[in-house]
Protein backbone atom coordinates (compact mmCIF):
# COMPACT_ATOMS: atom_id res chain seq x y z
CA UNK A 1 110.14 74.73 132.46
CA UNK A 2 109.41 75.41 128.77
CA UNK A 3 106.45 77.44 127.59
CA UNK A 4 104.47 75.41 125.03
CA UNK A 5 101.16 77.27 124.97
CA UNK A 6 100.55 81.01 125.00
CA UNK A 7 97.01 82.14 124.38
CA UNK A 8 94.12 84.48 125.08
CA UNK A 9 95.95 87.43 126.61
CA UNK A 10 93.28 89.94 125.65
CA UNK A 11 94.76 92.96 127.46
CA UNK A 12 98.07 92.98 125.60
CA UNK A 13 98.84 95.94 123.34
CA UNK A 14 101.64 97.75 121.57
CA UNK A 15 104.22 96.02 119.39
CA UNK A 16 104.65 92.26 119.45
CA UNK A 17 108.28 91.99 120.51
CA UNK A 18 110.64 90.08 118.19
CA UNK A 19 111.82 88.16 121.27
CA UNK A 20 108.65 86.06 120.86
CA UNK A 21 110.79 84.05 118.46
CA UNK A 22 112.99 82.93 121.35
CA UNK A 23 110.25 80.64 122.71
CA UNK A 24 111.52 77.75 120.62
CA UNK A 25 109.29 75.09 122.24
CA UNK A 26 106.06 77.00 121.68
CA UNK A 27 103.35 74.86 120.06
CA UNK A 28 100.33 77.17 120.38
CA UNK A 29 100.31 80.95 120.03
CA UNK A 30 96.86 82.52 120.14
CA UNK A 31 96.79 86.29 120.63
CA UNK A 32 93.32 87.06 119.31
CA UNK A 33 91.53 90.37 119.83
CA UNK A 34 94.34 92.14 121.59
CA UNK A 35 95.49 95.62 120.59
CA UNK A 36 98.78 94.83 118.91
CA UNK A 37 100.05 97.24 116.26
CA UNK A 38 102.96 97.37 113.87
CA UNK A 39 104.37 94.55 111.77
CA UNK A 40 104.11 90.86 112.57
CA UNK A 41 107.66 89.96 113.65
CA UNK A 42 109.66 87.81 111.25
CA UNK A 43 111.09 85.98 114.25
CA UNK A 44 107.87 83.93 114.46
CA UNK A 45 109.52 81.82 111.78
CA UNK A 46 111.89 80.54 114.49
CA UNK A 47 109.07 78.72 116.29
CA UNK A 48 109.68 75.37 114.63
CA UNK A 49 107.30 73.45 116.93
CA UNK A 50 104.33 75.75 116.32
CA UNK A 51 101.08 74.02 115.29
CA UNK A 52 98.52 76.74 115.96
CA UNK A 53 99.02 80.44 115.26
CA UNK A 54 96.28 83.04 115.50
CA UNK A 55 96.85 86.79 115.59
CA UNK A 56 93.33 87.70 114.47
CA UNK A 57 91.47 90.78 115.61
CA UNK A 58 94.45 93.06 116.15
CA UNK A 59 95.78 96.08 114.28
CA UNK A 60 98.82 94.56 112.63
CA UNK A 61 99.99 96.34 109.49
CA UNK A 62 102.54 95.61 106.80
CA UNK A 63 103.12 92.37 104.93
CA UNK A 64 102.65 88.78 105.96
CA UNK A 65 106.18 87.66 106.85
CA UNK A 66 107.62 85.08 104.47
CA UNK A 67 109.29 83.41 107.43
CA UNK A 68 105.95 81.85 108.42
CA UNK A 69 106.52 79.48 105.52
CA UNK A 70 109.26 77.75 107.52
CA UNK A 71 106.79 76.54 110.18
CA UNK A 72 106.59 72.98 108.88
CA UNK A 73 104.33 71.75 111.71
CA UNK A 74 101.77 74.54 111.39
CA UNK A 75 98.19 73.31 111.00
CA UNK A 76 96.19 76.46 111.71
CA UNK A 77 97.09 79.98 110.55
CA UNK A 78 94.64 82.79 111.32
CA UNK A 79 95.67 86.38 110.57
CA UNK A 80 92.15 87.67 109.93
CA UNK A 81 90.75 91.05 110.98
CA UNK A 82 93.93 93.08 110.81
CA UNK A 83 95.25 95.76 108.44
CA UNK A 84 97.72 93.59 106.55
CA UNK A 85 98.73 94.71 103.06
CA UNK A 86 100.79 93.41 100.16
CA UNK A 87 100.69 90.07 98.38
CA UNK A 88 100.09 86.59 99.76
CA UNK A 89 103.71 85.37 99.94
CA UNK A 90 104.76 82.16 98.21
CA UNK A 91 108.24 80.71 97.96
CA UNK A 92 110.89 81.62 95.42
CA UNK A 93 114.23 79.91 94.79
CA UNK A 94 115.73 81.54 97.87
CA UNK A 95 112.82 82.72 100.03
CA UNK A 96 110.09 80.80 101.89
CA UNK A 97 106.36 81.34 101.54
CA UNK A 98 103.00 80.02 102.67
CA UNK A 99 102.98 77.31 99.98
CA UNK A 100 105.58 75.44 102.03
CA UNK A 101 103.14 74.82 104.90
CA UNK A 102 102.54 71.19 103.93
CA UNK A 103 100.58 70.31 107.10
CA UNK A 104 98.32 73.35 107.06
CA UNK A 105 94.60 72.61 107.45
CA UNK A 106 93.16 76.10 107.96
CA UNK A 107 94.32 79.26 106.17
CA UNK A 108 92.36 82.28 107.39
CA UNK A 109 93.34 85.72 106.05
CA UNK A 110 89.89 87.33 105.90
CA UNK A 111 89.19 91.04 106.35
CA UNK A 112 92.58 92.56 105.67
CA UNK A 113 93.85 94.72 102.81
CA UNK A 114 95.76 92.06 100.92
CA UNK A 115 96.18 92.76 97.21
CA UNK A 116 97.44 91.13 94.04
CA UNK A 117 96.51 87.72 92.68
CA UNK A 118 95.80 84.58 94.63
CA UNK A 119 98.98 82.64 93.80
CA UNK A 120 98.45 79.42 91.85
CA UNK A 121 101.47 78.02 93.66
CA UNK A 122 99.64 78.32 96.98
CA UNK A 123 97.64 75.13 96.33
CA UNK A 124 98.65 71.55 95.49
CA UNK A 125 96.96 68.17 95.27
CA UNK A 126 98.84 66.73 98.26
CA UNK A 127 97.59 69.38 100.70
CA UNK A 128 95.29 68.67 103.67
CA UNK A 129 93.57 72.08 103.69
CA UNK A 130 89.98 72.09 104.93
CA UNK A 131 89.41 75.86 105.11
CA UNK A 132 90.62 78.66 102.85
CA UNK A 133 89.14 81.99 103.92
CA UNK A 134 90.43 84.96 101.91
CA UNK A 135 87.24 87.03 101.85
CA UNK A 136 87.01 90.81 102.28
CA UNK A 137 90.41 91.79 100.93
CA UNK A 138 91.52 93.61 97.78
CA UNK A 139 92.56 90.58 95.77
CA UNK A 140 92.46 90.72 91.97
CA UNK A 141 92.93 88.40 89.01
CA UNK A 142 91.33 85.04 88.39
CA UNK A 143 90.52 82.29 90.84
CA UNK A 144 93.46 79.87 90.44
CA UNK A 145 92.58 76.51 88.94
CA UNK A 146 94.94 74.85 91.42
CA UNK A 147 92.24 75.31 94.08
CA UNK A 148 90.39 72.50 92.35
CA UNK A 149 93.23 70.15 93.26
CA UNK A 150 92.66 70.45 97.02
CA UNK A 151 89.97 67.81 97.42
CA UNK A 152 90.02 68.04 101.22
CA UNK A 153 88.53 71.56 101.17
CA UNK A 154 85.31 72.03 103.14
CA UNK A 155 85.01 75.84 103.22
CA UNK A 156 86.13 78.25 100.49
CA UNK A 157 85.44 81.96 101.04
CA UNK A 158 86.68 84.40 98.39
CA UNK A 159 83.86 86.95 98.56
CA UNK A 160 84.32 90.70 98.80
CA UNK A 161 87.37 91.02 96.56
CA UNK A 162 87.85 92.14 92.94
CA UNK A 163 88.37 88.74 91.36
CA UNK A 164 87.54 88.48 87.67
CA UNK A 165 87.26 85.95 84.87
CA UNK A 166 85.41 82.66 84.98
CA UNK A 167 85.22 80.25 87.87
CA UNK A 168 87.66 77.38 87.12
CA UNK A 169 85.96 74.44 85.44
CA UNK A 170 87.55 71.99 87.89
CA UNK A 171 85.75 73.54 90.88
CA UNK A 172 83.54 70.45 90.98
CA UNK A 173 86.56 68.38 91.97
CA UNK A 174 85.94 69.73 95.49
CA UNK A 175 83.55 66.95 96.43
CA UNK A 176 83.96 67.57 100.19
CA UNK A 177 83.09 71.27 99.99
CA UNK A 178 80.30 72.35 102.36
CA UNK A 179 80.28 76.11 101.77
CA UNK A 180 81.33 78.32 98.85
CA UNK A 181 81.33 82.13 99.00
CA UNK A 182 82.42 84.04 95.90
CA UNK A 183 79.95 86.93 96.17
CA UNK A 184 80.80 90.57 95.49
CA UNK A 185 83.52 90.07 92.91
CA UNK A 186 83.73 90.77 89.17
CA UNK A 187 83.32 87.20 87.97
CA UNK A 188 81.97 86.57 84.48
CA UNK A 189 81.12 83.69 82.18
CA UNK A 190 78.68 80.90 82.86
CA UNK A 191 77.49 79.90 86.29
CA UNK A 192 79.91 77.37 87.80
CA UNK A 193 79.14 73.70 87.30
CA UNK A 194 78.65 72.09 90.71
CA UNK A 195 77.81 68.61 89.43
CA UNK A 196 78.98 65.91 91.82
CA UNK A 197 79.51 68.28 94.75
CA UNK A 198 77.04 66.38 96.88
CA UNK A 199 78.24 67.79 100.22
CA UNK A 200 77.42 71.42 99.36
CA UNK A 201 75.14 73.09 101.91
CA UNK A 202 75.40 76.77 101.00
CA UNK A 203 76.56 78.68 97.90
CA UNK A 204 76.72 82.46 97.49
CA UNK A 205 77.31 83.67 93.92
CA UNK A 206 75.66 87.06 94.37
CA UNK A 207 76.77 90.39 92.92
CA UNK A 208 78.87 89.15 90.04
CA UNK A 209 78.32 89.39 86.28
CA UNK A 210 77.53 85.85 85.22
CA UNK A 211 75.79 85.25 81.89
CA UNK A 212 72.05 84.89 81.49
CA UNK A 213 71.05 81.28 81.92
CA UNK A 214 68.23 78.87 82.47
CA UNK A 215 68.18 76.69 85.56
CA UNK A 216 71.43 74.71 85.58
CA UNK A 217 71.05 70.94 85.40
CA UNK A 218 73.08 70.41 88.55
CA UNK A 219 70.54 72.29 90.66
CA UNK A 220 68.30 69.25 90.95
CA UNK A 221 71.13 66.82 91.68
CA UNK A 222 72.68 68.18 94.88
CA UNK A 223 71.06 66.42 97.84
CA UNK A 224 72.44 68.63 100.63
CA UNK A 225 72.20 72.10 99.09
CA UNK A 226 69.94 74.24 101.26
CA UNK A 227 70.75 77.83 100.25
CA UNK A 228 71.76 79.21 96.87
CA UNK A 229 72.15 82.99 96.75
CA UNK A 230 72.23 84.64 93.32
CA UNK A 231 71.57 88.34 93.85
CA UNK A 232 72.13 90.52 90.82
CA UNK A 233 72.04 94.31 91.04
CA UNK A 234 73.57 95.55 87.80
CA UNK A 235 73.31 93.20 84.85
CA UNK A 236 70.04 91.96 83.44
CA UNK A 237 69.64 88.27 84.14
CA UNK A 238 66.74 85.85 84.11
CA UNK A 239 66.98 82.49 85.83
CA UNK A 240 64.09 80.04 85.58
CA UNK A 241 64.63 78.03 88.72
CA UNK A 242 62.30 75.13 89.40
CA UNK A 243 62.42 74.82 93.17
CA UNK A 244 59.98 71.90 93.13
CA UNK A 245 62.89 69.75 91.98
CA UNK A 246 64.81 70.15 95.20
CA UNK A 247 64.44 71.31 98.79
CA UNK A 248 66.24 74.60 98.36
CA UNK A 249 65.93 78.25 99.24
CA UNK A 250 66.67 80.27 96.09
CA UNK A 251 66.93 84.06 96.17
CA UNK A 252 67.73 86.67 93.58
CA UNK A 253 67.43 90.40 92.94
CA UNK A 254 67.06 92.39 89.77
CA UNK A 255 67.57 96.00 90.66
CA UNK A 256 67.48 97.20 94.23
CA UNK A 257 63.85 96.33 95.01
CA UNK A 258 62.84 93.18 93.17
CA UNK A 259 63.17 90.39 95.73
CA UNK A 260 61.88 86.88 95.23
CA UNK A 261 62.21 83.82 97.34
CA UNK A 262 61.07 80.25 97.00
CA UNK A 263 61.19 77.60 99.66
CA UNK A 264 59.95 74.09 99.15
């Protein structure tokens, strides 16, 4: 009898043994909210049949193993809520990386200590990604413009990092996006243009350094948008929203105390 599914063993702890890579027929490996420590074993790259992998809510440290990039059938990768460090690995001429996961639909790396830039190579137009959750890490650099190529995206969470520069102008290619979180970064330039993103339900742009602006024209054109958060604590900014144009909850702060809210 072959083991194909291994999941929800909450009482497990210690190191995840490299022998886990010997379970060659494994299709599902879900070890969420255990008490595992140490590095994620590279031998997981031997699990060629794996479709679902979640190691979230443990105490794994070290780097994301490049060998995960060999899991060609993987659709769901969740390594959130650990203590992982280092860069997000992408392939080189001789080494695999997460950009080789052609069937991946959900990439969840939230709440770790990952650093460096978000690799442009991580995203391509032929991907089927629906969720990219990289929030609450230590990522730097600009948001890669290649994200705008992944038209299947529904959730994009990059908040709580140290990303800088402008939001890529092709962000409005993501016409299936439901939620966008880029709050608590160091983003500058003009507010992003969300024209044509008619599926958007919630956008959080708060605690960045966008330029002063009047109400953007796209604000009155998005039929589904219910919440737009634009808190500002440091830089002086005035935004003349006209909430009568759309059924939307708009919030902003200037300073620590000035709170305003409109709901129509």
